[in-house]
Amino acid sequence: MLERDMTTEEHQPRTPRGLLIVMTGASGVGKGTLRERWLKDQDVFYSVSWTTRQARPGERQGLDYHFVSPEEFQQVAAQDGFLEHAEFAGNHYGTPRGPIEAALAGGQDVILEIEVKGAMQVRQHSREAVLVFIMPPSITELRRRLEGRATENPEQIERRLSRAHEEILEAHAFDYVVMNDDLDRAVTDMHAIQRAERARSERLSPQELRRIVES
Protein backbone atom coordinates (compact mmCIF):
# COMPACT_ATOMS: atom_id res chain seq x y z
CA MET A 1 0.00 0.00 0.00
CA LEU A 2 1.41 3.33 -1.06
CA GLU A 3 1.75 6.01 1.58
CA ARG A 4 0.28 9.37 0.70
CA ASP A 5 2.70 12.24 0.94
CA MET A 6 0.43 14.96 2.24
CA THR A 7 1.10 17.66 4.75
CA THR A 8 -1.32 18.45 7.52
CA GLU A 9 -2.21 21.69 5.74
CA GLU A 10 -3.50 19.77 2.71
CA HIS A 11 -6.10 18.08 4.91
CA GLN A 12 -7.32 21.37 6.30
CA PRO A 13 -10.25 23.09 4.57
CA ARG A 14 -9.04 26.22 2.83
CA THR A 15 -11.07 29.42 3.05
CA PRO A 16 -12.66 29.84 -0.39
CA ARG A 17 -11.75 33.08 -2.09
CA GLY A 18 -14.53 35.64 -1.99
CA LEU A 19 -16.63 36.62 -4.99
CA LEU A 20 -15.91 39.88 -6.80
CA ILE A 21 -19.29 41.10 -8.07
CA VAL A 22 -19.42 44.28 -10.13
CA MET A 23 -22.72 46.15 -10.49
CA THR A 24 -22.91 48.64 -13.32
CA GLY A 25 -25.41 50.33 -15.60
CA ALA A 26 -26.51 53.70 -16.87
CA SER A 27 -26.62 56.65 -14.52
CA GLY A 28 -30.05 56.91 -12.90
CA VAL A 29 -30.95 53.24 -13.33
CA GLY A 30 -31.20 52.77 -9.56
CA LYS A 31 -27.97 50.93 -8.78
CA GLY A 32 -27.61 52.46 -5.32
CA THR A 33 -31.13 51.61 -4.15
CA LEU A 34 -30.86 48.08 -5.52
CA ARG A 35 -27.47 47.55 -3.92
CA GLU A 36 -28.69 48.69 -0.48
CA ARG A 37 -31.68 46.34 -0.58
CA TRP A 38 -29.67 43.41 -1.91
CA LEU A 39 -26.87 43.69 0.63
CA LYS A 40 -29.09 44.25 3.67
CA ASP A 41 -28.02 41.89 6.49
CA GLN A 42 -25.18 40.44 4.40
CA ASP A 43 -21.57 40.23 5.57
CA VAL A 44 -19.92 41.57 2.43
CA PHE A 45 -17.24 44.10 1.69
CA TYR A 46 -18.71 47.06 -0.19
CA SER A 47 -15.91 48.98 -1.83
CA VAL A 48 -16.52 52.71 -1.56
CA SER A 49 -15.30 54.44 -4.72
CA TRP A 50 -13.31 57.64 -4.90
CA THR A 51 -14.65 60.51 -6.96
CA THR A 52 -13.73 64.08 -7.79
CA ARG A 53 -17.34 65.18 -8.21
CA GLN A 54 -19.22 67.14 -5.59
CA ALA A 55 -21.46 65.29 -3.15
CA ARG A 56 -25.17 65.29 -3.96
CA PRO A 57 -27.73 66.10 -1.26
CA GLY A 58 -27.87 63.24 1.24
CA GLU A 59 -24.59 61.62 0.18
CA ARG A 60 -22.12 60.92 2.98
CA GLN A 61 -18.34 61.11 2.89
CA GLY A 62 -16.80 57.66 3.21
CA LEU A 63 -20.12 55.86 2.95
CA ASP A 64 -21.45 56.73 -0.50
CA TYR A 65 -18.13 57.93 -1.94
CA HIS A 66 -14.78 59.22 -0.86
CA PHE A 67 -15.01 62.76 -2.21
CA VAL A 68 -11.48 63.93 -3.04
CA SER A 69 -9.73 66.66 -4.98
CA PRO A 70 -8.55 66.06 -8.57
CA GLU A 71 -4.95 66.39 -7.34
CA GLU A 72 -5.37 63.68 -4.68
CA PHE A 73 -7.09 61.38 -7.17
CA GLN A 74 -4.34 61.74 -9.76
CA GLN A 75 -1.66 61.06 -7.17
CA VAL A 76 -3.20 57.68 -6.26
CA ALA A 77 -3.80 56.84 -9.94
CA ALA A 78 -0.14 57.53 -10.73
CA GLN A 79 0.86 55.00 -8.04
CA ASP A 80 -1.41 52.31 -9.58
CA GLY A 81 -3.55 52.43 -6.47
CA PHE A 82 -6.86 51.86 -8.29
CA LEU A 83 -8.24 48.59 -9.59
CA GLU A 84 -10.01 50.73 -12.18
CA HIS A 85 -10.58 54.40 -12.76
CA ALA A 86 -12.46 56.32 -15.39
CA GLU A 87 -13.75 59.74 -16.32
CA PHE A 88 -17.50 60.25 -16.55
CA ALA A 89 -19.39 63.49 -17.21
CA GLY A 90 -16.29 65.53 -16.43
CA ASN A 91 -15.50 63.82 -13.13
CA HIS A 92 -13.13 61.00 -12.19
CA TYR A 93 -14.12 57.79 -10.40
CA GLY A 94 -11.86 55.06 -9.05
CA THR A 95 -11.87 51.83 -7.04
CA PRO A 96 -9.02 51.41 -4.50
CA ARG A 97 -7.12 48.18 -5.10
CA GLY A 98 -5.65 47.15 -1.71
CA PRO A 99 -8.78 46.71 0.45
CA ILE A 100 -10.47 44.65 -2.27
CA GLU A 101 -7.66 42.12 -2.60
CA ALA A 102 -7.43 41.75 1.18
CA ALA A 103 -11.16 41.06 1.52
CA LEU A 104 -11.20 38.53 -1.35
CA ALA A 105 -8.21 36.66 0.05
CA GLY A 106 -9.99 36.44 3.41
CA GLY A 107 -13.02 34.78 1.82
CA GLN A 108 -15.30 37.82 1.91
CA ASP A 109 -17.49 38.69 -1.06
CA VAL A 110 -16.69 42.11 -2.51
CA ILE A 111 -19.27 44.30 -4.22
CA LEU A 112 -18.39 47.14 -6.57
CA GLU A 113 -20.94 49.65 -7.84
CA ILE A 114 -19.16 51.49 -10.63
CA GLU A 115 -19.55 53.07 -14.06
CA VAL A 116 -19.63 50.91 -17.20
CA LYS A 117 -16.15 51.92 -18.41
CA GLY A 118 -14.73 51.04 -15.01
CA ALA A 119 -16.50 47.66 -15.02
CA MET A 120 -14.86 46.77 -18.32
CA GLN A 121 -11.47 47.76 -16.89
CA VAL A 122 -12.05 45.38 -13.97
CA ARG A 123 -12.81 42.58 -16.46
CA GLN A 124 -9.49 43.24 -18.21
CA HIS A 125 -7.53 43.03 -14.95
CA SER A 126 -9.52 40.31 -13.17
CA ARG A 127 -11.04 37.33 -14.93
CA GLU A 128 -12.67 36.26 -11.65
CA ALA A 129 -14.93 39.33 -11.62
CA VAL A 130 -18.67 38.73 -12.12
CA LEU A 131 -20.15 41.61 -14.11
CA VAL A 132 -23.83 42.45 -13.69
CA PHE A 133 -25.48 45.07 -15.91
CA ILE A 134 -28.51 46.79 -14.35
CA MET A 135 -30.97 47.57 -17.15
CA PRO A 136 -33.61 50.32 -17.12
CA PRO A 137 -37.07 49.36 -18.42
CA SER A 138 -36.81 52.10 -21.08
CA ILE A 139 -34.95 55.30 -21.95
CA THR A 140 -38.17 57.19 -21.24
CA GLU A 141 -38.23 55.85 -17.68
CA LEU A 142 -34.52 56.55 -17.29
CA ARG A 143 -35.13 60.18 -18.30
CA ARG A 144 -37.92 60.43 -15.74
CA ARG A 145 -35.64 59.14 -12.98
CA LEU A 146 -32.79 61.50 -13.91
CA GLU A 147 -35.10 64.49 -14.04
CA GLY A 148 -36.68 63.41 -10.74
CA ARG A 149 -33.29 63.55 -8.99
CA ALA A 150 -33.14 67.28 -9.77
CA THR A 151 -29.36 67.24 -9.37
CA GLU A 152 -28.34 68.15 -12.93
CA ASN A 153 -29.27 70.66 -15.60
CA PRO A 154 -30.99 69.63 -18.87
CA GLU A 155 -27.71 69.59 -20.82
CA GLN A 156 -26.10 67.21 -18.32
CA ILE A 157 -29.15 64.94 -18.41
CA GLU A 158 -29.00 64.78 -22.21
CA ARG A 159 -25.33 63.79 -22.03
CA ARG A 160 -26.15 61.01 -19.58
CA LEU A 161 -28.99 59.73 -21.78
CA SER A 162 -26.75 59.73 -24.84
CA ARG A 163 -24.19 57.74 -22.89
CA ALA A 164 -26.94 55.38 -21.69
CA HIS A 165 -27.88 54.55 -25.30
CA GLU A 166 -24.32 53.41 -25.98
CA GLU A 167 -24.00 51.48 -22.71
CA ILE A 168 -27.27 49.55 -23.14
CA LEU A 169 -26.19 48.37 -26.58
CA GLU A 170 -23.08 46.85 -24.92
CA ALA A 171 -25.06 44.85 -22.34
CA HIS A 172 -24.25 41.57 -24.12
CA ALA A 173 -20.63 41.93 -22.94
CA PHE A 174 -21.64 41.32 -19.31
CA ASP A 175 -22.19 38.06 -17.44
CA TYR A 176 -25.72 38.88 -16.28
CA VAL A 177 -28.39 41.48 -17.02
CA VAL A 178 -30.90 42.42 -14.31
CA MET A 179 -33.94 44.46 -15.33
CA ASN A 180 -34.67 47.08 -12.66
CA ASP A 181 -38.36 47.66 -13.37
CA ASP A 182 -39.46 46.01 -10.12
CA LEU A 183 -37.15 46.42 -7.13
CA ASP A 184 -38.20 43.26 -5.29
CA ARG A 185 -37.68 41.12 -8.38
CA ALA A 186 -34.32 42.76 -9.11
CA VAL A 187 -33.15 42.02 -5.55
CA THR A 188 -34.23 38.39 -5.96
CA ASP A 189 -32.25 38.20 -9.20
CA MET A 190 -29.12 39.56 -7.51
CA HIS A 191 -29.37 36.96 -4.73
CA ALA A 192 -29.78 34.23 -7.36
CA ILE A 193 -26.65 35.39 -9.20
CA GLN A 194 -24.67 35.39 -5.97
CA ARG A 195 -25.79 31.85 -5.07
CA ALA A 196 -25.07 30.54 -8.55
CA GLU A 197 -21.56 31.99 -8.61
CA ARG A 198 -20.74 30.51 -5.20
CA ALA A 199 -21.77 27.08 -6.51
CA ARG A 200 -19.40 27.08 -9.50
CA SER A 201 -17.28 23.93 -9.57
CA GLU A 202 -14.04 25.82 -10.22
CA ARG A 203 -14.33 27.39 -6.77
CA LEU A 204 -13.55 23.99 -5.23
CA SER A 205 -9.82 23.51 -4.77
CA PRO A 206 -8.14 20.09 -5.23
CA GLN A 207 -7.28 20.14 -1.51
CA GLU A 208 -10.93 20.62 -0.59
CA LEU A 209 -12.02 17.77 -2.86
CA ARG A 210 -9.43 15.44 -1.30
CA ARG A 211 -10.55 16.47 2.18
CA ILE A 212 -14.16 15.57 1.32
CA VAL A 213 -13.43 12.10 -0.09
CA GLU A 214 -11.08 11.25 2.78
CA SER A 215 -13.29 12.44 5.60
C-alpha atoms as a PDB file:
ATOM      1  CA  MET A   1       0.000   0.000   0.000  1.00  0.00           C
ATOM      2  CA  LEU A   2       1.414   3.334  -1.057  1.00  0.00           C
ATOM      3  CA  GLU A   3       1.750   6.010   1.578  1.00  0.00           C
ATOM      4  CA  ARG A   4       0.280   9.371   0.704  1.00  0.00           C
ATOM      5  CA  ASP A   5       2.705  12.238   0.938  1.00  0.00           C
ATOM      6  CA  MET A   6       0.428  14.956   2.239  1.00  0.00           C
ATOM      7  CA  THR A   7       1.095  17.662   4.748  1.00  0.00           C
ATOM      8  CA  THR A   8      -1.318  18.454   7.522  1.00  0.00           C
ATOM      9  CA  GLU A   9      -2.209  21.694   5.738  1.00  0.00           C
ATOM     10  CA  GLU A  10      -3.499  19.768   2.714  1.00  0.00           C
ATOM     11  CA  HIS A  11      -6.097  18.079   4.914  1.00  0.00           C
ATOM     12  CA  GLN A  12      -7.320  21.374   6.301  1.00  0.00           C
ATOM     13  CA  PRO A  13     -10.253  23.091   4.573  1.00  0.00           C
ATOM     14  CA  ARG A  14      -9.042  26.220   2.833  1.00  0.00           C
ATOM     15  CA  THR A  15     -11.066  29.416   3.051  1.00  0.00           C
ATOM     16  CA  PRO A  16     -12.663  29.840  -0.387  1.00  0.00           C
ATOM     17  CA  ARG A  17     -11.753  33.076  -2.090  1.00  0.00           C
ATOM     18  CA  GLY A  18     -14.534  35.640  -1.987  1.00  0.00           C
ATOM     19  CA  LEU A  19     -16.626  36.620  -4.988  1.00  0.00           C
ATOM     20  CA  LEU A  20     -15.915  39.881  -6.803  1.00  0.00           C
ATOM     21  CA  ILE A  21     -19.289  41.105  -8.069  1.00  0.00           C
ATOM     22  CA  VAL A  22     -19.420  44.282 -10.134  1.00  0.00           C
ATOM     23  CA  MET A  23     -22.720  46.148 -10.488  1.00  0.00           C
ATOM     24  CA  THR A  24     -22.910  48.637 -13.322  1.00  0.00           C
ATOM     25  CA  GLY A  25     -25.412  50.327 -15.598  1.00  0.00           C
ATOM     26  CA  ALA A  26     -26.512  53.702 -16.869  1.00  0.00           C
ATOM     27  CA  SER A  27     -26.616  56.648 -14.516  1.00  0.00           C
ATOM     28  CA  GLY A  28     -30.053  56.914 -12.901  1.00  0.00           C
ATOM     29  CA  VAL A  29     -30.949  53.240 -13.329  1.00  0.00           C
ATOM     30  CA  GLY A  30     -31.196  52.774  -9.559  1.00  0.00           C
ATOM     31  CA  LYS A  31     -27.969  50.928  -8.781  1.00  0.00           C
ATOM     32  CA  GLY A  32     -27.612  52.461  -5.318  1.00  0.00           C
ATOM     33  CA  THR A  33     -31.128  51.614  -4.149  1.00  0.00           C
ATOM     34  CA  LEU A  34     -30.862  48.082  -5.525  1.00  0.00           C
ATOM     35  CA  ARG A  35     -27.466  47.554  -3.915  1.00  0.00           C
ATOM     36  CA  GLU A  36     -28.686  48.694  -0.482  1.00  0.00           C
ATOM     37  CA  ARG A  37     -31.683  46.340  -0.576  1.00  0.00           C
ATOM     38  CA  TRP A  38     -29.666  43.407  -1.915  1.00  0.00           C
ATOM     39  CA  LEU A  39     -26.866  43.695   0.629  1.00  0.00           C
ATOM     40  CA  LYS A  40     -29.089  44.253   3.665  1.00  0.00           C
ATOM     41  CA  ASP A  41     -28.025  41.892   6.487  1.00  0.00           C
ATOM     42  CA  GLN A  42     -25.180  40.439   4.395  1.00  0.00           C
ATOM     43  CA  ASP A  43     -21.574  40.234   5.565  1.00  0.00           C
ATOM     44  CA  VAL A  44     -19.921  41.569   2.431  1.00  0.00           C
ATOM     45  CA  PHE A  45     -17.240  44.104   1.694  1.00  0.00           C
ATOM     46  CA  TYR A  46     -18.708  47.057  -0.189  1.00  0.00           C
ATOM     47  CA  SER A  47     -15.909  48.978  -1.835  1.00  0.00           C
ATOM     48  CA  VAL A  48     -16.517  52.714  -1.562  1.00  0.00           C
ATOM     49  CA  SER A  49     -15.299  54.437  -4.718  1.00  0.00           C
ATOM     50  CA  TRP A  50     -13.306  57.635  -4.904  1.00  0.00           C
ATOM     51  CA  THR A  51     -14.649  60.515  -6.964  1.00  0.00           C
ATOM     52  CA  THR A  52     -13.728  64.081  -7.794  1.00  0.00           C
ATOM     53  CA  ARG A  53     -17.339  65.185  -8.208  1.00  0.00           C
ATOM     54  CA  GLN A  54     -19.221  67.142  -5.589  1.00  0.00           C
ATOM     55  CA  ALA A  55     -21.460  65.290  -3.154  1.00  0.00           C
ATOM     56  CA  ARG A  56     -25.173  65.287  -3.964  1.00  0.00           C
ATOM     57  CA  PRO A  57     -27.733  66.100  -1.256  1.00  0.00           C
ATOM     58  CA  GLY A  58     -27.869  63.240   1.244  1.00  0.00           C
ATOM     59  CA  GLU A  59     -24.593  61.621   0.176  1.00  0.00           C
ATOM     60  CA  ARG A  60     -22.116  60.922   2.984  1.00  0.00           C
ATOM     61  CA  GLN A  61     -18.342  61.111   2.885  1.00  0.00           C
ATOM     62  CA  GLY A  62     -16.796  57.664   3.212  1.00  0.00           C
ATOM     63  CA  LEU A  63     -20.122  55.858   2.947  1.00  0.00           C
ATOM     64  CA  ASP A  64     -21.454  56.728  -0.501  1.00  0.00           C
ATOM     65  CA  TYR A  65     -18.134  57.927  -1.945  1.00  0.00           C
ATOM     66  CA  HIS A  66     -14.780  59.220  -0.862  1.00  0.00           C
ATOM     67  CA  PHE A  67     -15.005  62.765  -2.213  1.00  0.00           C
ATOM     68  CA  VAL A  68     -11.481  63.927  -3.038  1.00  0.00           C
ATOM     69  CA  SER A  69      -9.730  66.661  -4.980  1.00  0.00           C
ATOM     70  CA  PRO A  70      -8.546  66.062  -8.565  1.00  0.00           C
ATOM     71  CA  GLU A  71      -4.954  66.386  -7.336  1.00  0.00           C
ATOM     72  CA  GLU A  72      -5.372  63.682  -4.675  1.00  0.00           C
ATOM     73  CA  PHE A  73      -7.085  61.385  -7.172  1.00  0.00           C
ATOM     74  CA  GLN A  74      -4.344  61.741  -9.759  1.00  0.00           C
ATOM     75  CA  GLN A  75      -1.656  61.058  -7.172  1.00  0.00           C
ATOM     76  CA  VAL A  76      -3.199  57.684  -6.263  1.00  0.00           C
ATOM     77  CA  ALA A  77      -3.797  56.842  -9.937  1.00  0.00           C
ATOM     78  CA  ALA A  78      -0.135  57.531 -10.726  1.00  0.00           C
ATOM     79  CA  GLN A  79       0.857  55.002  -8.042  1.00  0.00           C
ATOM     80  CA  ASP A  80      -1.410  52.310  -9.580  1.00  0.00           C
ATOM     81  CA  GLY A  81      -3.552  52.432  -6.474  1.00  0.00           C
ATOM     82  CA  PHE A  82      -6.863  51.861  -8.291  1.00  0.00           C
ATOM     83  CA  LEU A  83      -8.244  48.588  -9.594  1.00  0.00           C
ATOM     84  CA  GLU A  84     -10.013  50.730 -12.177  1.00  0.00           C
ATOM     85  CA  HIS A  85     -10.581  54.400 -12.764  1.00  0.00           C
ATOM     86  CA  ALA A  86     -12.459  56.315 -15.392  1.00  0.00           C
ATOM     87  CA  GLU A  87     -13.751  59.745 -16.321  1.00  0.00           C
ATOM     88  CA  PHE A  88     -17.499  60.245 -16.554  1.00  0.00           C
ATOM     89  CA  ALA A  89     -19.388  63.487 -17.211  1.00  0.00           C
ATOM     90  CA  GLY A  90     -16.289  65.535 -16.430  1.00  0.00           C
ATOM     91  CA  ASN A  91     -15.501  63.819 -13.129  1.00  0.00           C
ATOM     92  CA  HIS A  92     -13.135  61.002 -12.191  1.00  0.00           C
ATOM     93  CA  TYR A  93     -14.121  57.790 -10.401  1.00  0.00           C
ATOM     94  CA  GLY A  94     -11.856  55.059  -9.053  1.00  0.00           C
ATOM     95  CA  THR A  95     -11.870  51.829  -7.041  1.00  0.00           C
ATOM     96  CA  PRO A  96      -9.025  51.414  -4.502  1.00  0.00           C
ATOM     97  CA  ARG A  97      -7.121  48.182  -5.102  1.00  0.00           C
ATOM     98  CA  GLY A  98      -5.648  47.152  -1.714  1.00  0.00           C
ATOM     99  CA  PRO A  99      -8.775  46.709   0.446  1.00  0.00           C
ATOM    100  CA  ILE A 100     -10.468  44.649  -2.271  1.00  0.00           C
ATOM    101  CA  GLU A 101      -7.658  42.123  -2.597  1.00  0.00           C
ATOM    102  CA  ALA A 102      -7.429  41.746   1.180  1.00  0.00           C
ATOM    103  CA  ALA A 103     -11.161  41.057   1.515  1.00  0.00           C
ATOM    104  CA  LEU A 104     -11.205  38.526  -1.352  1.00  0.00           C
ATOM    105  CA  ALA A 105      -8.211  36.656   0.049  1.00  0.00           C
ATOM    106  CA  GLY A 106      -9.988  36.438   3.412  1.00  0.00           C
ATOM    107  CA  GLY A 107     -13.019  34.776   1.818  1.00  0.00           C
ATOM    108  CA  GLN A 108     -15.302  37.819   1.910  1.00  0.00           C
ATOM    109  CA  ASP A 109     -17.489  38.695  -1.060  1.00  0.00           C
ATOM    110  CA  VAL A 110     -16.689  42.113  -2.510  1.00  0.00           C
ATOM    111  CA  ILE A 111     -19.273  44.302  -4.220  1.00  0.00           C
ATOM    112  CA  LEU A 112     -18.385  47.139  -6.572  1.00  0.00           C
ATOM    113  CA  GLU A 113     -20.938  49.646  -7.837  1.00  0.00           C
ATOM    114  CA  ILE A 114     -19.156  51.489 -10.626  1.00  0.00           C
ATOM    115  CA  GLU A 115     -19.548  53.073 -14.062  1.00  0.00           C
ATOM    116  CA  VAL A 116     -19.631  50.914 -17.195  1.00  0.00           C
ATOM    117  CA  LYS A 117     -16.152  51.915 -18.405  1.00  0.00           C
ATOM    118  CA  GLY A 118     -14.726  51.039 -15.006  1.00  0.00           C
ATOM    119  CA  ALA A 119     -16.497  47.665 -15.020  1.00  0.00           C
ATOM    120  CA  MET A 120     -14.862  46.768 -18.316  1.00  0.00           C
ATOM    121  CA  GLN A 121     -11.473  47.755 -16.892  1.00  0.00           C
ATOM    122  CA  VAL A 122     -12.052  45.377 -13.974  1.00  0.00           C
ATOM    123  CA  ARG A 123     -12.809  42.581 -16.459  1.00  0.00           C
ATOM    124  CA  GLN A 124      -9.490  43.238 -18.213  1.00  0.00           C
ATOM    125  CA  HIS A 125      -7.527  43.029 -14.952  1.00  0.00           C
ATOM    126  CA  SER A 126      -9.515  40.308 -13.168  1.00  0.00           C
ATOM    127  CA  ARG A 127     -11.043  37.327 -14.926  1.00  0.00           C
ATOM    128  CA  GLU A 128     -12.674  36.260 -11.650  1.00  0.00           C
ATOM    129  CA  ALA A 129     -14.933  39.329 -11.624  1.00  0.00           C
ATOM    130  CA  VAL A 130     -18.667  38.728 -12.118  1.00  0.00           C
ATOM    131  CA  LEU A 131     -20.146  41.613 -14.113  1.00  0.00           C
ATOM    132  CA  VAL A 132     -23.834  42.455 -13.689  1.00  0.00           C
ATOM    133  CA  PHE A 133     -25.485  45.072 -15.911  1.00  0.00           C
ATOM    134  CA  ILE A 134     -28.511  46.792 -14.352  1.00  0.00           C
ATOM    135  CA  MET A 135     -30.967  47.567 -17.150  1.00  0.00           C
ATOM    136  CA  PRO A 136     -33.613  50.324 -17.117  1.00  0.00           C
ATOM    137  CA  PRO A 137     -37.074  49.364 -18.416  1.00  0.00           C
ATOM    138  CA  SER A 138     -36.807  52.096 -21.078  1.00  0.00           C
ATOM    139  CA  ILE A 139     -34.951  55.297 -21.950  1.00  0.00           C
ATOM    140  CA  THR A 140     -38.166  57.192 -21.237  1.00  0.00           C
ATOM    141  CA  GLU A 141     -38.225  55.845 -17.681  1.00  0.00           C
ATOM    142  CA  LEU A 142     -34.520  56.551 -17.293  1.00  0.00           C
ATOM    143  CA  ARG A 143     -35.125  60.176 -18.302  1.00  0.00           C
ATOM    144  CA  ARG A 144     -37.921  60.430 -15.738  1.00  0.00           C
ATOM    145  CA  ARG A 145     -35.636  59.141 -12.983  1.00  0.00           C
ATOM    146  CA  LEU A 146     -32.789  61.499 -13.914  1.00  0.00           C
ATOM    147  CA  GLU A 147     -35.104  64.490 -14.036  1.00  0.00           C
ATOM    148  CA  GLY A 148     -36.677  63.410 -10.740  1.00  0.00           C
ATOM    149  CA  ARG A 149     -33.285  63.550  -8.995  1.00  0.00           C
ATOM    150  CA  ALA A 150     -33.140  67.281  -9.771  1.00  0.00           C
ATOM    151  CA  THR A 151     -29.357  67.244  -9.367  1.00  0.00           C
ATOM    152  CA  GLU A 152     -28.342  68.152 -12.930  1.00  0.00           C
ATOM    153  CA  ASN A 153     -29.266  70.655 -15.598  1.00  0.00           C
ATOM    154  CA  PRO A 154     -30.989  69.626 -18.873  1.00  0.00           C
ATOM    155  CA  GLU A 155     -27.709  69.588 -20.818  1.00  0.00           C
ATOM    156  CA  GLN A 156     -26.103  67.211 -18.318  1.00  0.00           C
ATOM    157  CA  ILE A 157     -29.151  64.941 -18.410  1.00  0.00           C
ATOM    158  CA  GLU A 158     -29.001  64.779 -22.210  1.00  0.00           C
ATOM    159  CA  ARG A 159     -25.326  63.788 -22.032  1.00  0.00           C
ATOM    160  CA  ARG A 160     -26.153  61.008 -19.583  1.00  0.00           C
ATOM    161  CA  LEU A 161     -28.990  59.734 -21.776  1.00  0.00           C
ATOM    162  CA  SER A 162     -26.751  59.732 -24.844  1.00  0.00           C
ATOM    163  CA  ARG A 163     -24.190  57.738 -22.894  1.00  0.00           C
ATOM    164  CA  ALA A 164     -26.937  55.378 -21.695  1.00  0.00           C
ATOM    165  CA  HIS A 165     -27.884  54.548 -25.303  1.00  0.00           C
ATOM    166  CA  GLU A 166     -24.320  53.413 -25.976  1.00  0.00           C
ATOM    167  CA  GLU A 167     -23.998  51.477 -22.709  1.00  0.00           C
ATOM    168  CA  ILE A 168     -27.267  49.555 -23.137  1.00  0.00           C
ATOM    169  CA  LEU A 169     -26.188  48.372 -26.576  1.00  0.00           C
ATOM    170  CA  GLU A 170     -23.083  46.845 -24.918  1.00  0.00           C
ATOM    171  CA  ALA A 171     -25.058  44.845 -22.342  1.00  0.00           C
ATOM    172  CA  HIS A 172     -24.249  41.568 -24.117  1.00  0.00           C
ATOM    173  CA  ALA A 173     -20.629  41.930 -22.941  1.00  0.00           C
ATOM    174  CA  PHE A 174     -21.642  41.318 -19.305  1.00  0.00           C
ATOM    175  CA  ASP A 175     -22.185  38.062 -17.437  1.00  0.00           C
ATOM    176  CA  TYR A 176     -25.719  38.877 -16.276  1.00  0.00           C
ATOM    177  CA  VAL A 177     -28.390  41.476 -17.018  1.00  0.00           C
ATOM    178  CA  VAL A 178     -30.903  42.420 -14.312  1.00  0.00           C
ATOM    179  CA  MET A 179     -33.944  44.459 -15.325  1.00  0.00           C
ATOM    180  CA  ASN A 180     -34.674  47.076 -12.658  1.00  0.00           C
ATOM    181  CA  ASP A 181     -38.364  47.664 -13.370  1.00  0.00           C
ATOM    182  CA  ASP A 182     -39.459  46.013 -10.120  1.00  0.00           C
ATOM    183  CA  LEU A 183     -37.145  46.421  -7.127  1.00  0.00           C
ATOM    184  CA  ASP A 184     -38.204  43.259  -5.291  1.00  0.00           C
ATOM    185  CA  ARG A 185     -37.677  41.115  -8.381  1.00  0.00           C
ATOM    186  CA  ALA A 186     -34.323  42.759  -9.111  1.00  0.00           C
ATOM    187  CA  VAL A 187     -33.153  42.022  -5.551  1.00  0.00           C
ATOM    188  CA  THR A 188     -34.227  38.391  -5.963  1.00  0.00           C
ATOM    189  CA  ASP A 189     -32.246  38.205  -9.202  1.00  0.00           C
ATOM    190  CA  MET A 190     -29.118  39.564  -7.510  1.00  0.00           C
ATOM    191  CA  HIS A 191     -29.370  36.959  -4.734  1.00  0.00           C
ATOM    192  CA  ALA A 192     -29.783  34.226  -7.361  1.00  0.00           C
ATOM    193  CA  ILE A 193     -26.654  35.385  -9.195  1.00  0.00           C
ATOM    194  CA  GLN A 194     -24.671  35.394  -5.966  1.00  0.00           C
ATOM    195  CA  ARG A 195     -25.789  31.852  -5.070  1.00  0.00           C
ATOM    196  CA  ALA A 196     -25.069  30.542  -8.555  1.00  0.00           C
ATOM    197  CA  GLU A 197     -21.562  31.991  -8.608  1.00  0.00           C
ATOM    198  CA  ARG A 198     -20.744  30.514  -5.205  1.00  0.00           C
ATOM    199  CA  ALA A 199     -21.770  27.083  -6.510  1.00  0.00           C
ATOM    200  CA  ARG A 200     -19.400  27.077  -9.503  1.00  0.00           C
ATOM    201  CA  SER A 201     -17.281  23.931  -9.566  1.00  0.00           C
ATOM    202  CA  GLU A 202     -14.039  25.820 -10.218  1.00  0.00           C
ATOM    203  CA  ARG A 203     -14.327  27.395  -6.775  1.00  0.00           C
ATOM    204  CA  LEU A 204     -13.546  23.989  -5.230  1.00  0.00           C
ATOM    205  CA  SER A 205      -9.818  23.511  -4.772  1.00  0.00           C
ATOM    206  CA  PRO A 206      -8.138  20.091  -5.229  1.00  0.00           C
ATOM    207  CA  GLN A 207      -7.276  20.143  -1.512  1.00  0.00           C
ATOM    208  CA  GLU A 208     -10.929  20.622  -0.591  1.00  0.00           C
ATOM    209  CA  LEU A 209     -12.016  17.772  -2.860  1.00  0.00           C
ATOM    210  CA  ARG A 210      -9.427  15.441  -1.299  1.00  0.00           C
ATOM    211  CA  ARG A 211     -10.550  16.473   2.180  1.00  0.00           C
ATOM    212  CA  ILE A 212     -14.155  15.566   1.315  1.00  0.00           C
ATOM    213  CA  VAL A 213     -13.427  12.103  -0.088  1.00  0.00           C
ATOM    214  CA  GLU A 214     -11.076  11.246   2.776  1.00  0.00           C
ATOM    215  CA  SER A 215     -13.287  12.438   5.597  1.00  0.00           C
END
